Amino acid sequence: MPTVAKKIAARRRDPAKKPVAAAPRHRLTPPPGPSAAEFFANLPPPAKDFDAEGVERIVAFRAER
């Protein structure tokens, strides 16, 4: 004899809806282009007015929160 929970679940289930097979997952491959090491090696130098200490303050402030 089915339990009450199974009876309720059977009533809620739409018989027209059949379970859909999961779509095959594509293999994760790196995007075309330079590797991460090449990308960071080719970045231009920071601007002359770049405030590294300011960035460190902001990062520290956000880490506190």
PDB file of N, CA and C in Angstrom:
ATOM      1  N   MET A   1       0.852  -1.182   0.000  1.00  0.00           N
ATOM      2  CA  MET A   1       0.000   0.000   0.000  1.00  0.00           C
ATOM      3  C   MET A   1       0.895   1.242   0.000  1.00  0.00           C
ATOM      4  N   PRO A   2       0.677   2.169  -0.972  1.00  0.00           N
ATOM      5  CA  PRO A   2       1.533   3.368  -1.046  1.00  0.00           C
ATOM      6  C   PRO A   2       1.323   4.286   0.153  1.00  0.00           C
ATOM      7  N   THR A   3       2.388   4.949   0.503  1.00  0.00           N
ATOM      8  CA  THR A   3       2.295   5.891   1.614  1.00  0.00           C
ATOM      9  C   THR A   3       1.582   7.151   1.148  1.00  0.00           C
ATOM     10  N   VAL A   4       1.189   7.958   2.086  1.00  0.00           N
ATOM     11  CA  VAL A   4       0.484   9.198   1.773  1.00  0.00           C
ATOM     12  C   VAL A   4       1.357  10.112   0.921  1.00  0.00           C
ATOM     13  N   ALA A   5       2.646  10.189   1.243  1.00  0.00           N
ATOM     14  CA  ALA A   5       3.551  11.058   0.485  1.00  0.00           C
ATOM     15  C   ALA A   5       3.640  10.607  -0.968  1.00  0.00           C
ATOM     16  N   LYS A   6       3.670   9.293  -1.203  1.00  0.00           N
ATOM     17  CA  LYS A   6       3.744   8.793  -2.573  1.00  0.00           C
ATOM     18  C   LYS A   6       2.455   9.083  -3.334  1.00  0.00           C
ATOM     19  N   LYS A   7       1.313   8.996  -2.645  1.00  0.00           N
ATOM     20  CA  LYS A   7       0.037   9.300  -3.290  1.00  0.00           C
ATOM     21  C   LYS A   7      -0.014  10.767  -3.709  1.00  0.00           C
ATOM     22  N   ILE A   8       0.436  11.650  -2.825  1.00  0.00           N
ATOM     23  CA  ILE A   8       0.435  13.084  -3.133  1.00  0.00           C
ATOM     24  C   ILE A   8       1.375  13.361  -4.293  1.00  0.00           C
ATOM     25  N   ALA A   9       2.546  12.752  -4.283  1.00  0.00           N
ATOM     26  CA  ALA A   9       3.513  12.957  -5.359  1.00  0.00           C
ATOM     27  C   ALA A   9       2.961  12.443  -6.679  1.00  0.00           C
ATOM     28  N   ALA A  10       2.254  11.325  -6.648  1.00  0.00           N
ATOM     29  CA  ALA A  10       1.684  10.771  -7.877  1.00  0.00           C
ATOM     30  C   ALA A  10       0.611  11.693  -8.436  1.00  0.00           C
ATOM     31  N   ARG A  11      -0.161  12.337  -7.574  1.00  0.00           N
ATOM     32  CA  ARG A  11      -1.193  13.268  -8.044  1.00  0.00           C
ATOM     33  C   ARG A  11      -0.579  14.518  -8.648  1.00  0.00           C
ATOM     34  N   ARG A  12       0.529  14.970  -8.078  1.00  0.00           N
ATOM     35  CA  ARG A  12       1.160  16.204  -8.560  1.00  0.00           C
ATOM     36  C   ARG A  12       1.904  15.988  -9.868  1.00  0.00           C
ATOM     37  N   ARG A  13       2.401  14.791 -10.088  1.00  0.00           N
ATOM     38  CA  ARG A  13       3.187  14.513 -11.283  1.00  0.00           C
ATOM     39  C   ARG A  13       2.307  14.572 -12.520  1.00  0.00           C
ATOM     40  N   ASP A  14       2.790  15.248 -13.537  1.00  0.00           N
ATOM     41  CA  ASP A  14       2.055  15.346 -14.792  1.00  0.00           C
ATOM     42  C   ASP A  14       2.418  14.129 -15.633  1.00  0.00           C
ATOM     43  N   PRO A  15       1.449  13.258 -15.923  1.00  0.00           N
ATOM     44  CA  PRO A  15       1.786  12.053 -16.684  1.00  0.00           C
ATOM     45  C   PRO A  15       2.251  12.351 -18.106  1.00  0.00           C
ATOM     46  N   ALA A  16       1.895  13.507 -18.656  1.00  0.00           N
ATOM     47  CA  ALA A  16       2.313  13.852 -20.014  1.00  0.00           C
ATOM     48  C   ALA A  16       3.796  14.196 -20.062  1.00  0.00           C
ATOM     49  N   LYS A  17       4.329  14.625 -18.955  1.00  0.00           N
ATOM     50  CA  LYS A  17       5.747  14.991 -18.913  1.00  0.00           C
ATOM     51  C   LYS A  17       6.579  13.751 -18.647  1.00  0.00           C
ATOM     52  N   LYS A  18       7.467  13.471 -19.562  1.00  0.00           N
ATOM     53  CA  LYS A  18       8.363  12.343 -19.370  1.00  0.00           C
ATOM     54  C   LYS A  18       9.717  12.892 -18.937  1.00  0.00           C
ATOM     55  N   PRO A  19      10.449  12.144 -18.158  1.00  0.00           N
ATOM     56  CA  PRO A  19      11.773  12.641 -17.770  1.00  0.00           C
ATOM     57  C   PRO A  19      12.650  12.840 -19.001  1.00  0.00           C
ATOM     58  N   VAL A  20      13.323  13.967 -19.034  1.00  0.00           N
ATOM     59  CA  VAL A  20      14.179  14.299 -20.162  1.00  0.00           C
ATOM     60  C   VAL A  20      15.600  13.864 -19.831  1.00  0.00           C
ATOM     61  N   ALA A  21      16.228  13.222 -20.778  1.00  0.00           N
ATOM     62  CA  ALA A  21      17.610  12.795 -20.570  1.00  0.00           C
ATOM     63  C   ALA A  21      18.505  14.025 -20.492  1.00  0.00           C
ATOM     64  N   ALA A  22      19.474  13.960 -19.637  1.00  0.00           N
ATOM     65  CA  ALA A  22      20.396  15.086 -19.487  1.00  0.00           C
ATOM     66  C   ALA A  22      21.202  15.259 -20.765  1.00  0.00           C
ATOM     67  N   ALA A  23      21.386  16.505 -21.138  1.00  0.00           N
ATOM     68  CA  ALA A  23      22.160  16.795 -22.346  1.00  0.00           C
ATOM     69  C   ALA A  23      23.617  16.420 -22.106  1.00  0.00           C
ATOM     70  N   PRO A  24      24.278  15.916 -23.122  1.00  0.00           N
ATOM     71  CA  PRO A  24      25.689  15.573 -22.922  1.00  0.00           C
ATOM     72  C   PRO A  24      26.504  16.825 -22.636  1.00  0.00           C
ATOM     73  N   ARG A  25      27.406  16.706 -21.705  1.00  0.00           N
ATOM     74  CA  ARG A  25      28.227  17.859 -21.339  1.00  0.00           C
ATOM     75  C   ARG A  25      29.432  17.939 -22.253  1.00  0.00           C
ATOM     76  N   HIS A  26      29.699  19.139 -22.675  1.00  0.00           N
ATOM     77  CA  HIS A  26      30.856  19.334 -23.519  1.00  0.00           C
ATOM     78  C   HIS A  26      32.107  19.339 -22.655  1.00  0.00           C
ATOM     79  N   ARG A  27      33.160  18.850 -23.207  1.00  0.00           N
ATOM     80  CA  ARG A  27      34.418  18.816 -22.479  1.00  0.00           C
ATOM     81  C   ARG A  27      34.948  20.240 -22.349  1.00  0.00           C
ATOM     82  N   LEU A  28      35.373  20.585 -21.171  1.00  0.00           N
ATOM     83  CA  LEU A  28      35.880  21.931 -20.950  1.00  0.00           C
ATOM     84  C   LEU A  28      37.281  22.044 -21.535  1.00  0.00           C
ATOM     85  N   THR A  29      37.411  22.882 -22.510  1.00  0.00           N
ATOM     86  CA  THR A  29      38.717  23.114 -23.121  1.00  0.00           C
ATOM     87  C   THR A  29      39.043  24.586 -22.979  1.00  0.00           C
ATOM     88  N   PRO A  30      40.299  24.928 -22.894  1.00  0.00           N
ATOM     89  CA  PRO A  30      40.641  26.342 -22.759  1.00  0.00           C
ATOM     90  C   PRO A  30      40.231  27.113 -24.009  1.00  0.00           C
ATOM     91  N   PRO A  31      39.840  28.357 -23.848  1.00  0.00           N
ATOM     92  CA  PRO A  31      39.441  29.154 -25.004  1.00  0.00           C
ATOM     93  C   PRO A  31      40.627  29.385 -25.935  1.00  0.00           C
ATOM     94  N   PRO A  32      40.341  29.622 -27.195  1.00  0.00           N
ATOM     95  CA  PRO A  32      41.451  29.885 -28.114  1.00  0.00           C
ATOM     96  C   PRO A  32      42.144  31.191 -27.747  1.00  0.00           C
ATOM     97  N   GLY A  33      43.403  31.245 -27.965  1.00  0.00           N
ATOM     98  CA  GLY A  33      44.150  32.457 -27.648  1.00  0.00           C
ATOM     99  C   GLY A  33      45.356  32.128 -26.796  1.00  0.00           C
ATOM    100  N   PRO A  34      45.989  33.166 -26.275  1.00  0.00           N
ATOM    101  CA  PRO A  34      47.212  32.937 -25.492  1.00  0.00           C
ATOM    102  C   PRO A  34      46.896  32.268 -24.156  1.00  0.00           C
ATOM    103  N   SER A  35      47.887  31.594 -23.618  1.00  0.00           N
ATOM    104  CA  SER A  35      47.721  31.000 -22.292  1.00  0.00           C
ATOM    105  C   SER A  35      47.706  32.127 -21.260  1.00  0.00           C
ATOM    106  N   ALA A  36      47.331  31.789 -20.051  1.00  0.00           N
ATOM    107  CA  ALA A  36      47.273  32.807 -18.995  1.00  0.00           C
ATOM    108  C   ALA A  36      48.645  33.421 -18.759  1.00  0.00           C
ATOM    109  N   ALA A  37      49.686  32.601 -18.786  1.00  0.00           N
ATOM    110  CA  ALA A  37      51.039  33.118 -18.558  1.00  0.00           C
ATOM    111  C   ALA A  37      51.430  34.106 -19.650  1.00  0.00           C
ATOM    112  N   GLU A  38      51.116  33.769 -20.905  1.00  0.00           N
ATOM    113  CA  GLU A  38      51.437  34.684 -22.013  1.00  0.00           C
ATOM    114  C   GLU A  38      50.629  35.971 -21.896  1.00  0.00           C
ATOM    115  N   PHE A  39      49.351  35.829 -21.513  1.00  0.00           N
ATOM    116  CA  PHE A  39      48.486  37.005 -21.394  1.00  0.00           C
ATOM    117  C   PHE A  39      49.053  37.990 -20.375  1.00  0.00           C
ATOM    118  N   PHE A  40      49.399  37.495 -19.188  1.00  0.00           N
ATOM    119  CA  PHE A  40      49.896  38.389 -18.144  1.00  0.00           C
ATOM    120  C   PHE A  40      51.296  38.902 -18.452  1.00  0.00           C
ATOM    121  N   ALA A  41      52.084  38.130 -19.178  1.00  0.00           N
ATOM    122  CA  ALA A  41      53.426  38.580 -19.548  1.00  0.00           C
ATOM    123  C   ALA A  41      53.357  39.724 -20.553  1.00  0.00           C
ATOM    124  N   ASN A  42      52.313  39.753 -21.366  1.00  0.00           N
ATOM    125  CA  ASN A  42      52.195  40.766 -22.413  1.00  0.00           C
ATOM    126  C   ASN A  42      51.386  41.988 -21.996  1.00  0.00           C
ATOM    127  N   LEU A  43      50.978  42.068 -20.735  1.00  0.00           N
ATOM    128  CA  LEU A  43      50.232  43.244 -20.285  1.00  0.00           C
ATOM    129  C   LEU A  43      51.149  44.463 -20.276  1.00  0.00           C
ATOM    130  N   PRO A  44      50.597  45.627 -20.600  1.00  0.00           N
ATOM    131  CA  PRO A  44      51.430  46.826 -20.533  1.00  0.00           C
ATOM    132  C   PRO A  44      51.751  47.169 -19.079  1.00  0.00           C
ATOM    133  N   PRO A  45      52.795  47.945 -18.850  1.00  0.00           N
ATOM    134  CA  PRO A  45      53.113  48.325 -17.468  1.00  0.00           C
ATOM    135  C   PRO A  45      52.011  49.226 -16.909  1.00  0.00           C
ATOM    136  N   PRO A  46      51.867  49.265 -15.597  1.00  0.00           N
ATOM    137  CA  PRO A  46      50.823  50.111 -15.017  1.00  0.00           C
ATOM    138  C   PRO A  46      51.084  51.586 -15.302  1.00  0.00           C
ATOM    139  N   ALA A  47      50.019  52.358 -15.266  1.00  0.00           N
ATOM    140  CA  ALA A  47      50.136  53.795 -15.524  1.00  0.00           C
ATOM    141  C   ALA A  47      51.025  54.445 -14.468  1.00  0.00           C
ATOM    142  N   LYS A  48      51.599  55.602 -14.811  1.00  0.00           N
ATOM    143  CA  LYS A  48      52.512  56.278 -13.884  1.00  0.00           C
ATOM    144  C   LYS A  48      51.801  56.732 -12.619  1.00  0.00           C
ATOM    145  N   ASP A  49      50.510  57.064 -12.746  1.00  0.00           N
ATOM    146  CA  ASP A  49      49.773  57.539 -11.577  1.00  0.00           C
ATOM    147  C   ASP A  49      49.005  56.403 -10.883  1.00  0.00           C
ATOM    148  N   PHE A  50      49.381  55.152 -11.163  1.00  0.00           N
ATOM    149  CA  PHE A  50      48.727  54.002 -10.539  1.00  0.00           C
ATOM    150  C   PHE A  50      49.031  53.994  -9.047  1.00  0.00           C
ATOM    151  N   ASP A  51      47.989  53.882  -8.236  1.00  0.00           N
ATOM    152  CA  ASP A  51      48.131  53.935  -6.780  1.00  0.00           C
ATOM    153  C   ASP A  51      48.058  52.519  -6.208  1.00  0.00           C
ATOM    154  N   ALA A  52      49.195  51.841  -6.147  1.00  0.00           N
ATOM    155  CA  ALA A  52      49.222  50.464  -5.650  1.00  0.00           C
ATOM    156  C   ALA A  52      48.821  50.403  -4.181  1.00  0.00           C
ATOM    157  N   GLU A  53      49.243  51.386  -3.399  1.00  0.00           N
ATOM    158  CA  GLU A  53      48.881  51.396  -1.977  1.00  0.00           C
ATOM    159  C   GLU A  53      47.378  51.588  -1.811  1.00  0.00           C
ATOM    160  N   GLY A  54      46.792  52.403  -2.674  1.00  0.00           N
ATOM    161  CA  GLY A  54      45.342  52.596  -2.626  1.00  0.00           C
ATOM    162  C   GLY A  54      44.603  51.305  -2.914  1.00  0.00           C
ATOM    163  N   VAL A  55      45.103  50.554  -3.871  1.00  0.00           N
ATOM    164  CA  VAL A  55      44.485  49.267  -4.192  1.00  0.00           C
ATOM    165  C   VAL A  55      44.603  48.328  -3.003  1.00  0.00           C
ATOM    166  N   GLU A  56      45.766  48.317  -2.363  1.00  0.00           N
ATOM    167  CA  GLU A  56      45.950  47.460  -1.191  1.00  0.00           C
ATOM    168  C   GLU A  56      45.005  47.865  -0.066  1.00  0.00           C
ATOM    169  N   ARG A  57      44.791  49.173   0.115  1.00  0.00           N
ATOM    170  CA  ARG A  57      43.855  49.634   1.151  1.00  0.00           C
ATOM    171  C   ARG A  57      42.440  49.158   0.849  1.00  0.00           C
ATOM    172  N   ILE A  58      42.036  49.255  -0.412  1.00  0.00           N
ATOM    173  CA  ILE A  58      40.684  48.836  -0.789  1.00  0.00           C
ATOM    174  C   ILE A  58      40.518  47.333  -0.577  1.00  0.00           C
ATOM    175  N   VAL A  59      41.519  46.565  -0.979  1.00  0.00           N
ATOM    176  CA  VAL A  59      41.446  45.109  -0.813  1.00  0.00           C
ATOM    177  C   VAL A  59      41.368  44.757   0.668  1.00  0.00           C
ATOM    178  N   ALA A  60      42.175  45.415   1.491  1.00  0.00           N
ATOM    179  CA  ALA A  60      42.152  45.150   2.934  1.00  0.00           C
ATOM    180  C   ALA A  60      40.804  45.549   3.528  1.00  0.00           C
ATOM    181  N   PHE A  61      40.248  46.670   3.076  1.00  0.00           N
ATOM    182  CA  PHE A  61      38.956  47.130   3.579  1.00  0.00           C
ATOM    183  C   PHE A  61      37.862  46.122   3.237  1.00  0.00           C
ATOM    184  N   ARG A  62      37.880  45.628   2.005  1.00  0.00           N
ATOM    185  CA  ARG A  62      36.858  44.661   1.592  1.00  0.00           C
ATOM    186  C   ARG A  62      37.028  43.329   2.308  1.00  0.00           C
ATOM    187  N   ALA A  63      38.263  42.969   2.635  1.00  0.00           N
ATOM    188  CA  ALA A  63      38.504  41.705   3.334  1.00  0.00           C
ATOM    189  C   ALA A  63      37.966  41.774   4.761  1.00  0.00           C
ATOM    190  N   GLU A  64      37.928  42.982   5.340  1.00  0.00           N
ATOM    191  CA  GLU A  64      37.427  43.141   6.705  1.00  0.00           C
ATOM    192  C   GLU A  64      35.927  42.916   6.771  1.00  0.00           C
ATOM    193  N   ARG A  65      35.240  43.264   5.707  1.00  0.00           N
ATOM    194  CA  ARG A  65      33.780  43.159   5.731  1.00  0.00           C
ATOM    195  C   ARG A  65      33.298  41.767   5.593  1.00  0.00           C
TER     196      ARG A  65
END
